[in-house]
Amino acid sequence: MSAWTISNDLTRQDVETAYRWISAESYWAKGLPRDIFERSVENSLCFGLHVAAGDLRGFARVVTDRATFAYLCDVYVCASVRGQGAGKALIRAIMDHPELQLLRRWMLVTRDAHRLYEPFGFQTPENPERLMVRLDPDVYARLSSASS
């Protein structure tokens, strides 16, 4: 029996915990405004990893059309369960989700977790020169200063 339960049904408390992790502890979305996080959750297929007691210990979102494409993002595993297989269990559940089968393309961006994703088939793009990105890394800081 697995030490983890993974669900797409997040409670209000789960969303609050995930928001705190992503907005305060992640390197990619520090300062994320609450309303933007709420919208991202509402418009994504979200996954919560829980311990037997029911407490949230991991979170991830998949932005997808459920037919051809998925973008895996906001993957966060609580420090208290890192190194115990929680991240692998979360990614396995995402990859096995029935609505995410037979997709032509998956994407993700990571600074330091390549070894987590590689066993699931993620790799550096064969032709990175074909990929383009439009990035605004200071948008949350600007929103925060504008609302002050």
N, C-alpha and C. Protein backbone atom coordinates (compact mmCIF):
# COMPACT_ATOMS: atom_id res chain seq x y z
N MET A 1 0.84 -1.19 0.00
CA MET A 1 0.00 0.00 0.00
C MET A 1 0.89 1.25 0.00
N SER A 2 0.51 2.22 -0.80
CA SER A 2 1.30 3.45 -0.93
C SER A 2 1.10 4.35 0.29
N ALA A 3 2.16 5.09 0.59
CA ALA A 3 2.08 6.05 1.69
C ALA A 3 1.35 7.31 1.26
N TRP A 4 1.04 7.42 -0.02
CA TRP A 4 0.46 8.65 -0.56
C TRP A 4 -0.91 8.39 -1.17
N THR A 5 -1.75 9.38 -1.06
CA THR A 5 -3.02 9.41 -1.78
C THR A 5 -2.96 10.63 -2.68
N ILE A 6 -3.29 10.43 -3.95
CA ILE A 6 -3.24 11.55 -4.90
C ILE A 6 -4.62 11.74 -5.48
N SER A 7 -5.07 12.98 -5.45
CA SER A 7 -6.45 13.28 -5.84
C SER A 7 -6.50 14.57 -6.65
N ASN A 8 -7.55 14.67 -7.45
CA ASN A 8 -7.85 15.90 -8.18
C ASN A 8 -8.87 16.76 -7.43
N ASP A 9 -9.38 16.25 -6.35
CA ASP A 9 -10.37 16.96 -5.54
C ASP A 9 -9.65 17.66 -4.39
N LEU A 10 -9.36 18.93 -4.58
CA LEU A 10 -8.66 19.68 -3.56
C LEU A 10 -9.65 20.41 -2.66
N THR A 11 -9.38 20.36 -1.38
CA THR A 11 -10.22 21.09 -0.43
C THR A 11 -9.79 22.56 -0.42
N ARG A 12 -10.57 23.39 0.22
CA ARG A 12 -10.21 24.81 0.37
C ARG A 12 -8.88 24.94 1.11
N GLN A 13 -8.68 24.09 2.12
CA GLN A 13 -7.42 24.11 2.87
C GLN A 13 -6.25 23.68 1.99
N ASP A 14 -6.47 22.69 1.12
CA ASP A 14 -5.42 22.26 0.18
C ASP A 14 -4.99 23.42 -0.71
N VAL A 15 -5.97 24.14 -1.24
CA VAL A 15 -5.67 25.28 -2.12
C VAL A 15 -4.91 26.35 -1.35
N GLU A 16 -5.31 26.59 -0.12
CA GLU A 16 -4.61 27.58 0.72
C GLU A 16 -3.16 27.17 0.95
N THR A 17 -2.94 25.91 1.26
CA THR A 17 -1.57 25.41 1.49
C THR A 17 -0.75 25.51 0.21
N ALA A 18 -1.33 25.08 -0.90
CA ALA A 18 -0.61 25.14 -2.18
C ALA A 18 -0.28 26.59 -2.53
N TYR A 19 -1.20 27.48 -2.30
CA TYR A 19 -0.93 28.89 -2.58
C TYR A 19 0.25 29.40 -1.75
N ARG A 20 0.27 29.06 -0.48
CA ARG A 20 1.38 29.49 0.38
C ARG A 20 2.72 28.94 -0.15
N TRP A 21 2.74 27.68 -0.53
CA TRP A 21 3.97 27.08 -1.07
C TRP A 21 4.43 27.82 -2.33
N ILE A 22 3.51 27.95 -3.28
CA ILE A 22 3.88 28.50 -4.59
C ILE A 22 4.24 29.98 -4.48
N SER A 23 3.46 30.74 -3.73
CA SER A 23 3.69 32.19 -3.67
C SER A 23 4.82 32.60 -2.74
N ALA A 24 5.12 31.79 -1.75
CA ALA A 24 6.13 32.19 -0.77
C ALA A 24 7.40 31.35 -0.80
N GLU A 25 7.29 30.08 -1.21
CA GLU A 25 8.44 29.19 -1.11
C GLU A 25 9.03 28.76 -2.44
N SER A 26 8.30 28.90 -3.53
CA SER A 26 8.83 28.46 -4.82
C SER A 26 9.81 29.49 -5.37
N TYR A 27 10.72 29.04 -6.22
CA TYR A 27 11.64 29.99 -6.86
C TYR A 27 11.01 30.61 -8.10
N TRP A 28 9.95 30.02 -8.63
CA TRP A 28 9.40 30.46 -9.91
C TRP A 28 8.20 31.40 -9.80
N ALA A 29 7.58 31.51 -8.64
CA ALA A 29 6.37 32.34 -8.56
C ALA A 29 6.25 33.09 -7.24
N LYS A 30 7.36 33.47 -6.68
CA LYS A 30 7.33 34.24 -5.42
C LYS A 30 6.50 35.52 -5.64
N GLY A 31 5.63 35.79 -4.68
CA GLY A 31 4.81 36.99 -4.77
C GLY A 31 3.59 36.84 -5.65
N LEU A 32 3.29 35.64 -6.09
CA LEU A 32 2.12 35.39 -6.93
C LEU A 32 0.85 35.90 -6.24
N PRO A 33 0.11 36.80 -6.87
CA PRO A 33 -1.14 37.28 -6.25
C PRO A 33 -2.17 36.16 -6.10
N ARG A 34 -2.91 36.22 -5.02
CA ARG A 34 -3.89 35.18 -4.71
C ARG A 34 -4.90 34.98 -5.83
N ASP A 35 -5.43 36.08 -6.39
CA ASP A 35 -6.46 35.95 -7.42
C ASP A 35 -5.93 35.26 -8.68
N ILE A 36 -4.68 35.49 -9.00
CA ILE A 36 -4.09 34.83 -10.16
C ILE A 36 -3.91 33.34 -9.89
N PHE A 37 -3.47 33.00 -8.67
CA PHE A 37 -3.35 31.59 -8.32
C PHE A 37 -4.71 30.90 -8.38
N GLU A 38 -5.73 31.54 -7.83
CA GLU A 38 -7.08 30.96 -7.85
C GLU A 38 -7.53 30.68 -9.28
N ARG A 39 -7.29 31.64 -10.17
CA ARG A 39 -7.66 31.46 -11.58
C ARG A 39 -6.89 30.31 -12.20
N SER A 40 -5.61 30.20 -11.86
CA SER A 40 -4.80 29.11 -12.43
C SER A 40 -5.32 27.75 -11.97
N VAL A 41 -5.73 27.65 -10.72
CA VAL A 41 -6.27 26.39 -10.20
C VAL A 41 -7.60 26.06 -10.89
N GLU A 42 -8.45 27.05 -11.03
CA GLU A 42 -9.77 26.84 -11.66
C GLU A 42 -9.65 26.38 -13.10
N ASN A 43 -8.59 26.79 -13.78
CA ASN A 43 -8.45 26.50 -15.21
C ASN A 43 -7.40 25.44 -15.52
N SER A 44 -7.07 24.64 -14.53
CA SER A 44 -6.08 23.58 -14.71
C SER A 44 -6.59 22.29 -14.11
N LEU A 45 -5.96 21.21 -14.49
CA LEU A 45 -6.19 19.92 -13.85
C LEU A 45 -5.16 19.84 -12.72
N CYS A 46 -5.63 19.91 -11.49
CA CYS A 46 -4.73 19.99 -10.33
C CYS A 46 -4.66 18.65 -9.61
N PHE A 47 -3.52 18.43 -8.98
CA PHE A 47 -3.24 17.19 -8.26
C PHE A 47 -2.74 17.53 -6.87
N GLY A 48 -3.29 16.87 -5.87
CA GLY A 48 -2.81 17.01 -4.51
C GLY A 48 -2.32 15.68 -4.00
N LEU A 49 -1.14 15.68 -3.40
CA LEU A 49 -0.56 14.48 -2.78
C LEU A 49 -0.75 14.61 -1.28
N HIS A 50 -1.41 13.62 -0.70
CA HIS A 50 -1.72 13.66 0.73
C HIS A 50 -1.07 12.49 1.45
N VAL A 51 -0.71 12.70 2.71
CA VAL A 51 -0.26 11.61 3.57
C VAL A 51 -1.49 10.91 4.13
N ALA A 52 -1.26 9.78 4.79
CA ALA A 52 -2.36 8.97 5.31
C ALA A 52 -3.29 9.79 6.22
N ALA A 53 -2.73 10.73 6.96
CA ALA A 53 -3.55 11.56 7.86
C ALA A 53 -4.41 12.57 7.09
N GLY A 54 -4.17 12.69 5.79
CA GLY A 54 -4.97 13.58 4.96
C GLY A 54 -4.34 14.92 4.66
N ASP A 55 -3.21 15.23 5.29
CA ASP A 55 -2.56 16.52 5.08
C ASP A 55 -1.89 16.60 3.71
N LEU A 56 -2.00 17.74 3.06
CA LEU A 56 -1.39 17.96 1.76
C LEU A 56 0.13 18.03 1.91
N ARG A 57 0.84 17.28 1.07
CA ARG A 57 2.29 17.29 1.08
C ARG A 57 2.89 17.53 -0.30
N GLY A 58 2.02 17.62 -1.32
CA GLY A 58 2.50 17.91 -2.67
C GLY A 58 1.38 18.45 -3.53
N PHE A 59 1.76 19.19 -4.55
CA PHE A 59 0.78 19.84 -5.43
C PHE A 59 1.39 19.95 -6.82
N ALA A 60 0.55 19.86 -7.83
CA ALA A 60 0.98 20.12 -9.21
C ALA A 60 -0.24 20.51 -10.02
N ARG A 61 0.03 21.27 -11.09
CA ARG A 61 -1.02 21.65 -12.04
C ARG A 61 -0.62 21.17 -13.42
N VAL A 62 -1.63 20.82 -14.21
CA VAL A 62 -1.42 20.52 -15.62
C VAL A 62 -2.36 21.42 -16.41
N VAL A 63 -1.77 22.23 -17.28
CA VAL A 63 -2.54 23.07 -18.20
C VAL A 63 -2.64 22.26 -19.48
N THR A 64 -3.86 21.94 -19.90
CA THR A 64 -4.01 21.00 -21.01
C THR A 64 -5.32 21.18 -21.76
N ASP A 65 -5.30 20.76 -23.03
CA ASP A 65 -6.54 20.67 -23.78
C ASP A 65 -7.13 19.26 -23.69
N ARG A 66 -6.45 18.36 -22.98
CA ARG A 66 -6.85 16.97 -22.75
C ARG A 66 -6.93 16.16 -24.05
N ALA A 67 -6.30 16.66 -25.11
CA ALA A 67 -6.33 15.96 -26.39
C ALA A 67 -4.95 15.86 -27.04
N THR A 68 -4.20 16.98 -27.03
CA THR A 68 -2.93 16.99 -27.76
C THR A 68 -1.75 17.52 -26.96
N PHE A 69 -1.99 18.29 -25.91
CA PHE A 69 -0.90 19.02 -25.26
C PHE A 69 -1.12 19.13 -23.76
N ALA A 70 -0.01 19.08 -23.02
CA ALA A 70 -0.07 19.33 -21.57
C ALA A 70 1.20 20.05 -21.14
N TYR A 71 1.02 21.02 -20.26
CA TYR A 71 2.13 21.73 -19.65
C TYR A 71 2.08 21.45 -18.16
N LEU A 72 3.07 20.74 -17.67
CA LEU A 72 3.17 20.40 -16.26
C LEU A 72 3.85 21.55 -15.53
N CYS A 73 3.21 22.07 -14.49
CA CYS A 73 3.77 23.24 -13.81
C CYS A 73 3.39 23.25 -12.33
N ASP A 74 4.01 24.17 -11.62
CA ASP A 74 3.76 24.36 -10.19
C ASP A 74 3.89 23.07 -9.39
N VAL A 75 4.84 22.23 -9.78
CA VAL A 75 5.09 21.00 -9.03
C VAL A 75 5.84 21.37 -7.76
N TYR A 76 5.25 21.05 -6.63
CA TYR A 76 5.85 21.37 -5.34
C TYR A 76 5.64 20.19 -4.39
N VAL A 77 6.72 19.77 -3.78
CA VAL A 77 6.65 18.72 -2.76
C VAL A 77 7.20 19.30 -1.47
N CYS A 78 6.44 19.17 -0.41
CA CYS A 78 6.80 19.69 0.91
C CYS A 78 8.13 19.09 1.36
N ALA A 79 8.97 19.92 1.96
CA ALA A 79 10.30 19.48 2.41
C ALA A 79 10.23 18.27 3.33
N SER A 80 9.17 18.14 4.10
CA SER A 80 9.07 17.04 5.07
C SER A 80 8.97 15.67 4.43
N VAL A 81 8.63 15.60 3.13
CA VAL A 81 8.52 14.29 2.46
C VAL A 81 9.44 14.16 1.25
N ARG A 82 10.28 15.15 1.02
CA ARG A 82 11.23 15.04 -0.09
C ARG A 82 12.20 13.90 0.19
N GLY A 83 12.58 13.21 -0.88
CA GLY A 83 13.51 12.09 -0.75
C GLY A 83 12.84 10.80 -0.31
N GLN A 84 11.51 10.79 -0.22
CA GLN A 84 10.77 9.61 0.22
C GLN A 84 9.89 9.03 -0.89
N GLY A 85 10.07 9.50 -2.11
CA GLY A 85 9.28 9.00 -3.22
C GLY A 85 8.01 9.77 -3.50
N ALA A 86 7.77 10.85 -2.77
CA ALA A 86 6.54 11.63 -2.95
C ALA A 86 6.48 12.27 -4.32
N GLY A 87 7.59 12.89 -4.76
CA GLY A 87 7.62 13.53 -6.07
C GLY A 87 7.37 12.52 -7.18
N LYS A 88 8.01 11.37 -7.10
CA LYS A 88 7.82 10.32 -8.11
C LYS A 88 6.38 9.84 -8.12
N ALA A 89 5.79 9.66 -6.94
CA ALA A 89 4.39 9.21 -6.87
C ALA A 89 3.46 10.25 -7.50
N LEU A 90 3.73 11.52 -7.24
CA LEU A 90 2.90 12.59 -7.80
C LEU A 90 3.01 12.62 -9.33
N ILE A 91 4.22 12.57 -9.85
CA ILE A 91 4.40 12.60 -11.31
C ILE A 91 3.82 11.34 -11.94
N ARG A 92 3.98 10.18 -11.32
CA ARG A 92 3.40 8.94 -11.86
C ARG A 92 1.88 9.07 -11.95
N ALA A 93 1.24 9.61 -10.91
CA ALA A 93 -0.22 9.76 -10.93
C ALA A 93 -0.65 10.71 -12.04
N ILE A 94 0.11 11.76 -12.26
CA ILE A 94 -0.20 12.70 -13.33
C ILE A 94 -0.08 12.01 -14.68
N MET A 95 1.01 11.32 -14.89
CA MET A 95 1.24 10.65 -16.18
C MET A 95 0.21 9.55 -16.45
N ASP A 96 -0.32 8.94 -15.38
CA ASP A 96 -1.30 7.86 -15.52
C ASP A 96 -2.75 8.35 -15.57
N HIS A 97 -2.97 9.64 -15.38
CA HIS A 97 -4.35 10.16 -15.33
C HIS A 97 -5.06 9.85 -16.65
N PRO A 98 -6.27 9.32 -16.59
CA PRO A 98 -6.98 8.92 -17.82
C PRO A 98 -7.21 10.04 -18.84
N GLU A 99 -7.36 11.27 -18.38
CA GLU A 99 -7.59 12.38 -19.32
C GLU A 99 -6.31 12.90 -19.96
N LEU A 100 -5.17 12.32 -19.58
CA LEU A 100 -3.89 12.81 -20.10
C LEU A 100 -3.15 11.73 -20.90
N GLN A 101 -3.90 10.81 -21.44
CA GLN A 101 -3.28 9.74 -22.22
C GLN A 101 -3.25 10.11 -23.71
N LEU A 102 -2.27 9.61 -24.41
CA LEU A 102 -2.11 9.76 -25.86
C LEU A 102 -1.94 11.21 -26.30
N LEU A 103 -1.38 12.04 -25.42
CA LEU A 103 -1.08 13.41 -25.80
C LEU A 103 0.17 13.42 -26.67
N ARG A 104 0.18 14.27 -27.65
CA ARG A 104 1.33 14.36 -28.56
C ARG A 104 2.52 15.04 -27.89
N ARG A 105 2.26 16.04 -27.06
CA ARG A 105 3.37 16.81 -26.49
C ARG A 105 3.09 17.18 -25.04
N TRP A 106 4.10 16.97 -24.23
CA TRP A 106 4.14 17.42 -22.84
C TRP A 106 5.29 18.40 -22.72
N MET A 107 5.14 19.40 -21.89
CA MET A 107 6.23 20.34 -21.64
C MET A 107 6.29 20.65 -20.16
N LEU A 108 7.46 21.06 -19.73
CA LEU A 108 7.64 21.58 -18.38
C LEU A 108 8.90 22.42 -18.37
N VAL A 109 9.04 23.20 -17.33
CA VAL A 109 10.24 24.01 -17.13
C VAL A 109 10.72 23.72 -15.72
N THR A 110 12.01 23.39 -15.59
CA THR A 110 12.58 23.15 -14.27
C THR A 110 13.99 23.68 -14.21
N ARG A 111 14.35 24.17 -13.05
CA ARG A 111 15.71 24.66 -12.85
C ARG A 111 16.63 23.53 -12.39
N ASP A 112 16.08 22.60 -11.57
CA ASP A 112 16.96 21.65 -10.92
C ASP A 112 16.40 20.25 -10.68
N ALA A 113 15.27 19.92 -11.29
CA ALA A 113 14.66 18.61 -11.01
C ALA A 113 14.65 17.69 -12.24
N HIS A 114 15.61 17.84 -13.10
CA HIS A 114 15.67 17.02 -14.31
C HIS A 114 15.64 15.52 -14.00
N ARG A 115 16.35 15.13 -12.95
CA ARG A 115 16.41 13.70 -12.62
C ARG A 115 15.06 13.16 -12.16
N LEU A 116 14.20 14.01 -11.63
CA LEU A 116 12.86 13.56 -11.27
C LEU A 116 12.04 13.25 -12.52
N TYR A 117 12.14 14.10 -13.53
CA TYR A 117 11.28 13.99 -14.70
C TYR A 117 11.79 13.05 -15.79
N GLU A 118 13.08 12.86 -15.89
CA GLU A 118 13.64 12.02 -16.96
C GLU A 118 13.08 10.60 -16.99
N PRO A 119 12.89 9.91 -15.85
CA PRO A 119 12.32 8.56 -15.92
C PRO A 119 10.89 8.50 -16.49
N PHE A 120 10.25 9.65 -16.56
CA PHE A 120 8.89 9.71 -17.11
C PHE A 120 8.88 10.14 -18.57
N GLY A 121 10.06 10.17 -19.18
CA GLY A 121 10.17 10.45 -20.61
C GLY A 121 10.48 11.89 -20.97
N PHE A 122 10.61 12.77 -19.99
CA PHE A 122 10.94 14.16 -20.29
C PHE A 122 12.43 14.25 -20.63
N GLN A 123 12.74 15.06 -21.61
CA GLN A 123 14.12 15.25 -22.02
C GLN A 123 14.31 16.64 -22.58
N THR A 124 15.57 17.03 -22.71
CA THR A 124 15.89 18.30 -23.34
C THR A 124 15.40 18.26 -24.78
N PRO A 125 14.80 19.33 -25.27
CA PRO A 125 14.28 19.31 -26.65
C PRO A 125 15.39 19.00 -27.66
N GLU A 126 15.03 18.19 -28.63
CA GLU A 126 15.98 17.84 -29.69
C GLU A 126 16.38 19.08 -30.49
N ASN A 127 15.44 19.96 -30.71
CA ASN A 127 15.70 21.19 -31.47
C ASN A 127 15.27 22.40 -30.65
N PRO A 128 16.07 22.77 -29.64
CA PRO A 128 15.64 23.89 -28.80
C PRO A 128 15.50 25.20 -29.56
N GLU A 129 16.16 25.30 -30.68
CA GLU A 129 16.04 26.53 -31.48
C GLU A 129 14.63 26.72 -32.05
N ARG A 130 13.83 25.68 -32.03
CA ARG A 130 12.45 25.80 -32.51
C ARG A 130 11.50 26.33 -31.43
N LEU A 131 11.91 26.25 -30.18
CA LEU A 131 11.05 26.70 -29.09
C LEU A 131 11.21 28.19 -28.88
N MET A 132 10.13 28.82 -28.57
CA MET A 132 10.15 30.24 -28.23
C MET A 132 9.37 30.43 -26.94
N VAL A 133 9.70 31.47 -26.25
CA VAL A 133 9.02 31.76 -25.00
C VAL A 133 8.90 33.27 -24.85
N ARG A 134 7.82 33.67 -24.25
CA ARG A 134 7.65 35.07 -23.88
C ARG A 134 7.54 35.09 -22.36
N LEU A 135 8.51 35.65 -21.71
CA LEU A 135 8.61 35.58 -20.26
C LEU A 135 8.60 36.98 -19.66
N ASP A 136 7.82 37.16 -18.61
CA ASP A 136 7.78 38.42 -17.88
C ASP A 136 8.01 38.09 -16.40
N PRO A 137 9.27 37.89 -16.00
CA PRO A 137 9.55 37.42 -14.64
C PRO A 137 9.21 38.42 -13.54
N ASP A 138 9.00 39.67 -13.85
CA ASP A 138 8.73 40.68 -12.83
C ASP A 138 7.25 41.07 -12.72
N VAL A 139 6.38 40.37 -13.40
CA VAL A 139 4.98 40.76 -13.43
C VAL A 139 4.37 40.78 -12.03
N TYR A 140 4.67 39.81 -11.18
CA TYR A 140 4.06 39.77 -9.85
C TYR A 140 4.57 40.91 -8.98
N ALA A 141 5.84 41.25 -9.11
CA ALA A 141 6.38 42.38 -8.35
C ALA A 141 5.72 43.69 -8.79
N ARG A 142 5.50 43.84 -10.10
CA ARG A 142 4.83 45.05 -10.59
C ARG A 142 3.39 45.12 -10.09
N LEU A 143 2.70 43.99 -10.10
CA LEU A 143 1.32 43.96 -9.61
C LEU A 143 1.28 44.31 -8.14
N SER A 144 2.23 43.79 -7.38
CA SER A 144 2.28 44.05 -5.96
C SER A 144 2.55 45.53 -5.67
N SER A 145 3.47 46.12 -6.39
CA SER A 145 3.77 47.53 -6.16
C SER A 145 2.64 48.44 -6.64
N ALA A 146 1.91 48.01 -7.67
CA ALA A 146 0.80 48.82 -8.18
C ALA A 146 -0.37 48.81 -7.21
N SER A 147 -0.54 47.73 -6.45
CA SER A 147 -1.67 47.64 -5.53
C SER A 147 -1.33 48.23 -4.16
N SER A 148 -0.07 48.59 -3.93
CA SER A 148 0.35 49.17 -2.64
C SER A 148 -0.01 50.63 -2.52
